[in-house]
Structure formats: structure tokens, C-alpha cells
């Protein structure tokens, strides 16, 4: 998973290679509306009490769990690296259980 800010994604990256997903930091945009056209997995849409506020791009918590558990790493990615992504997202946790999956701030 690639974590980067809006400036890096739009002005510096020329590959659009983001492994298992893009985690885009665009705190100036409304939640779920980062100012990019590329598919994203996590959007950091704000900072509250010195803590990043994020939202996942999944319709349900179950869809998020399926993605974490069922995704297969690309051929050039190790199983360990993929497991680390799942563990990171699991450690951050879930804020909302009955709507779009949101990462707890």
C-alpha cells in the first residue's frame, strides 16, 4: 500500500504503482472525496487533536474485512508485506459498524 499526500501523487509520482492500494492524504477535501481520479483505499481527510482522520473506500465493514483477508499480494510482493498491511489496518480499527467502513482516528 502506498501512503502519500496529494502533492506527491499529482506532481511527483509518475508510475501510479501502489501495490495493494492507495492511501491518499488530502485533508483539504471532504471525507470520501479526495481530489484525485485514481482508485483509492484510504483517504486521510482531516486532522483532529493532532491525529489523522481517515475513511476507507468500502461499502461495508464486511467488504473491508474481505479485502484484508482475501487479497493476494502481487507476484513481486511478499506474503509478509501483505500481512503487515492487514495488521496495520486492523490495529487502526473500525469507527462505524453500520455504514461505510471508517478508520478510527
C-alpha atoms as a PDB file:
ATOM      1  CA  UNK A   1       0.000   0.000   0.000  1.00  0.00           C
ATOM      2  CA  UNK A   2       1.295   3.431  -0.905  1.00  0.00           C
ATOM      3  CA  UNK A   3       0.712   6.320   1.510  1.00  0.00           C
ATOM      4  CA  UNK A   4       1.316   9.747   0.016  1.00  0.00           C
ATOM      5  CA  UNK A   5      -0.047  13.269   0.049  1.00  0.00           C
ATOM      6  CA  UNK A   6      -1.916  14.985  -2.759  1.00  0.00           C
ATOM      7  CA  UNK A   7       1.101  16.948  -3.984  1.00  0.00           C
ATOM      8  CA  UNK A   8       3.273  13.838  -4.292  1.00  0.00           C
ATOM      9  CA  UNK A   9       0.558  11.896  -6.111  1.00  0.00           C
ATOM     10  CA  UNK A  10      -0.263  14.646  -8.610  1.00  0.00           C
ATOM     11  CA  UNK A  11       3.138  16.261  -9.169  1.00  0.00           C
ATOM     12  CA  UNK A  12       5.929  13.824  -8.345  1.00  0.00           C
ATOM     13  CA  UNK A  13       4.789  10.233  -8.861  1.00  0.00           C
ATOM     14  CA  UNK A  14       4.909   9.142 -12.476  1.00  0.00           C
ATOM     15  CA  UNK A  15       4.287   5.421 -12.040  1.00  0.00           C
ATOM     16  CA  UNK A  16       0.926   5.151 -10.256  1.00  0.00           C
ATOM     17  CA  UNK A  17       2.267   1.969  -8.663  1.00  0.00           C
ATOM     18  CA  UNK A  18       0.620   1.488  -5.309  1.00  0.00           C
ATOM     19  CA  UNK A  19       0.758  -2.252  -4.679  1.00  0.00           C
ATOM     20  CA  UNK A  20      -2.364  -3.312  -2.806  1.00  0.00           C
ATOM     21  CA  UNK A  21      -3.899   0.152  -2.721  1.00  0.00           C
ATOM     22  CA  UNK A  22      -3.529   3.896  -2.378  1.00  0.00           C
ATOM     23  CA  UNK A  23      -3.782   5.691   0.965  1.00  0.00           C
ATOM     24  CA  UNK A  24      -4.096   9.329  -0.082  1.00  0.00           C
ATOM     25  CA  UNK A  25      -3.595  12.190   2.357  1.00  0.00           C
ATOM     26  CA  UNK A  26      -5.802  15.058   1.207  1.00  0.00           C
ATOM     27  CA  UNK A  27      -7.017  16.778   4.380  1.00  0.00           C
ATOM     28  CA  UNK A  28      -8.368  19.715   2.395  1.00  0.00           C
ATOM     29  CA  UNK A  29     -11.078  17.586   0.775  1.00  0.00           C
ATOM     30  CA  UNK A  30     -14.351  16.305   2.195  1.00  0.00           C
ATOM     31  CA  UNK A  31     -14.379  12.735   3.504  1.00  0.00           C
ATOM     32  CA  UNK A  32     -14.579  10.169   0.671  1.00  0.00           C
ATOM     33  CA  UNK A  33     -13.841  12.870  -1.926  1.00  0.00           C
ATOM     34  CA  UNK A  34     -10.071  13.163  -2.344  1.00  0.00           C
ATOM     35  CA  UNK A  35      -9.111  15.415  -5.238  1.00  0.00           C
ATOM     36  CA  UNK A  36      -7.816  12.580  -7.439  1.00  0.00           C
ATOM     37  CA  UNK A  37      -9.344  10.404 -10.154  1.00  0.00           C
ATOM     38  CA  UNK A  38      -7.349   7.257  -9.320  1.00  0.00           C
ATOM     39  CA  UNK A  39      -8.963   4.493  -7.258  1.00  0.00           C
ATOM     40  CA  UNK A  40      -8.083   4.774  -3.551  1.00  0.00           C
ATOM     41  CA  UNK A  41      -8.439   2.532  -0.485  1.00  0.00           C
ATOM     42  CA  UNK A  42      -7.962   5.012   2.385  1.00  0.00           C
ATOM     43  CA  UNK A  43      -8.485   8.780   2.369  1.00  0.00           C
ATOM     44  CA  UNK A  44      -6.954  10.895   5.111  1.00  0.00           C
ATOM     45  CA  UNK A  45      -9.419  13.765   5.059  1.00  0.00           C
ATOM     46  CA  UNK A  46      -8.501  15.667   8.188  1.00  0.00           C
ATOM     47  CA  UNK A  47      -6.530  16.079  11.364  1.00  0.00           C
ATOM     48  CA  UNK A  48      -8.279  16.250  14.724  1.00  0.00           C
ATOM     49  CA  UNK A  49      -6.411  16.778  18.015  1.00  0.00           C
ATOM     50  CA  UNK A  50      -3.077  16.118  16.256  1.00  0.00           C
ATOM     51  CA  UNK A  51      -4.409  12.796  14.911  1.00  0.00           C
ATOM     52  CA  UNK A  52      -5.076  11.890  11.284  1.00  0.00           C
ATOM     53  CA  UNK A  53      -8.732  11.208  10.440  1.00  0.00           C
ATOM     54  CA  UNK A  54      -9.250   8.570   7.731  1.00  0.00           C
ATOM     55  CA  UNK A  55     -12.031   6.839   5.843  1.00  0.00           C
ATOM     56  CA  UNK A  56     -11.887   3.546   3.923  1.00  0.00           C
ATOM     57  CA  UNK A  57     -13.364   3.183   0.453  1.00  0.00           C
ATOM     58  CA  UNK A  58     -15.511   0.127   1.217  1.00  0.00           C
ATOM     59  CA  UNK A  59     -19.306  -0.077   1.197  1.00  0.00           C
ATOM     60  CA  UNK A  60     -19.437  -2.166   4.380  1.00  0.00           C
ATOM     61  CA  UNK A  61     -17.219  -3.334   7.205  1.00  0.00           C
ATOM     62  CA  UNK A  62     -17.534  -6.867   5.808  1.00  0.00           C
ATOM     63  CA  UNK A  63     -16.193  -5.680   2.439  1.00  0.00           C
ATOM     64  CA  UNK A  64     -13.193  -4.210   4.276  1.00  0.00           C
ATOM     65  CA  UNK A  65     -12.650  -7.466   6.183  1.00  0.00           C
ATOM     66  CA  UNK A  66     -12.886  -9.450   2.950  1.00  0.00           C
ATOM     67  CA  UNK A  67     -10.288  -7.173   1.325  1.00  0.00           C
ATOM     68  CA  UNK A  68      -7.889  -7.558   4.233  1.00  0.00           C
ATOM     69  CA  UNK A  69      -8.332 -11.322   4.419  1.00  0.00           C
ATOM     70  CA  UNK A  70      -8.838 -12.301   0.813  1.00  0.00           C
ATOM     71  CA  UNK A  71      -6.494 -10.076  -1.158  1.00  0.00           C
ATOM     72  CA  UNK A  72      -3.493 -11.829  -2.628  1.00  0.00           C
ATOM     73  CA  UNK A  73      -0.213  -9.946  -2.885  1.00  0.00           C
ATOM     74  CA  UNK A  74       1.107  -9.172  -6.343  1.00  0.00           C
ATOM     75  CA  UNK A  75       3.777 -11.512  -7.653  1.00  0.00           C
ATOM     76  CA  UNK A  76       6.545  -9.101  -6.668  1.00  0.00           C
ATOM     77  CA  UNK A  77       5.168  -8.557  -3.138  1.00  0.00           C
ATOM     78  CA  UNK A  78       5.985 -10.855  -0.251  1.00  0.00           C
ATOM     79  CA  UNK A  79       3.327 -12.531   1.870  1.00  0.00           C
ATOM     80  CA  UNK A  80       4.843 -10.810   4.907  1.00  0.00           C
ATOM     81  CA  UNK A  81       4.400  -7.340   3.366  1.00  0.00           C
ATOM     82  CA  UNK A  82       0.749  -8.068   2.598  1.00  0.00           C
ATOM     83  CA  UNK A  83       0.165  -9.337   6.142  1.00  0.00           C
ATOM     84  CA  UNK A  84       1.673  -6.113   7.502  1.00  0.00           C
ATOM     85  CA  UNK A  85      -0.883  -4.035   5.565  1.00  0.00           C
ATOM     86  CA  UNK A  86      -3.725  -6.085   7.044  1.00  0.00           C
ATOM     87  CA  UNK A  87      -2.262  -5.813  10.537  1.00  0.00           C
ATOM     88  CA  UNK A  88      -1.832  -2.041  10.203  1.00  0.00           C
ATOM     89  CA  UNK A  89      -5.430  -1.522   9.120  1.00  0.00           C
ATOM     90  CA  UNK A  90      -6.620  -3.903  11.838  1.00  0.00           C
ATOM     91  CA  UNK A  91      -4.659  -2.002  14.525  1.00  0.00           C
ATOM     92  CA  UNK A  92      -6.173   1.313  13.441  1.00  0.00           C
ATOM     93  CA  UNK A  93      -9.626  -0.210  13.935  1.00  0.00           C
ATOM     94  CA  UNK A  94     -13.165   0.462  12.858  1.00  0.00           C
ATOM     95  CA  UNK A  95     -15.156   3.522  13.895  1.00  0.00           C
ATOM     96  CA  UNK A  96     -18.521   2.840  12.283  1.00  0.00           C
ATOM     97  CA  UNK A  97     -20.158  -0.588  12.041  1.00  0.00           C
ATOM     98  CA  UNK A  98     -23.393   0.150  10.183  1.00  0.00           C
ATOM     99  CA  UNK A  99     -22.322   2.179   7.174  1.00  0.00           C
ATOM    100  CA  UNK A 100     -19.226   2.852   5.114  1.00  0.00           C
ATOM    101  CA  UNK A 101     -16.136   1.492   6.837  1.00  0.00           C
ATOM    102  CA  UNK A 102     -14.269   4.266   8.599  1.00  0.00           C
ATOM    103  CA  UNK A 103     -10.912   4.081  10.296  1.00  0.00           C
ATOM    104  CA  UNK A 104     -10.953   5.226  13.906  1.00  0.00           C
ATOM    105  CA  UNK A 105      -8.987   8.493  14.404  1.00  0.00           C
END
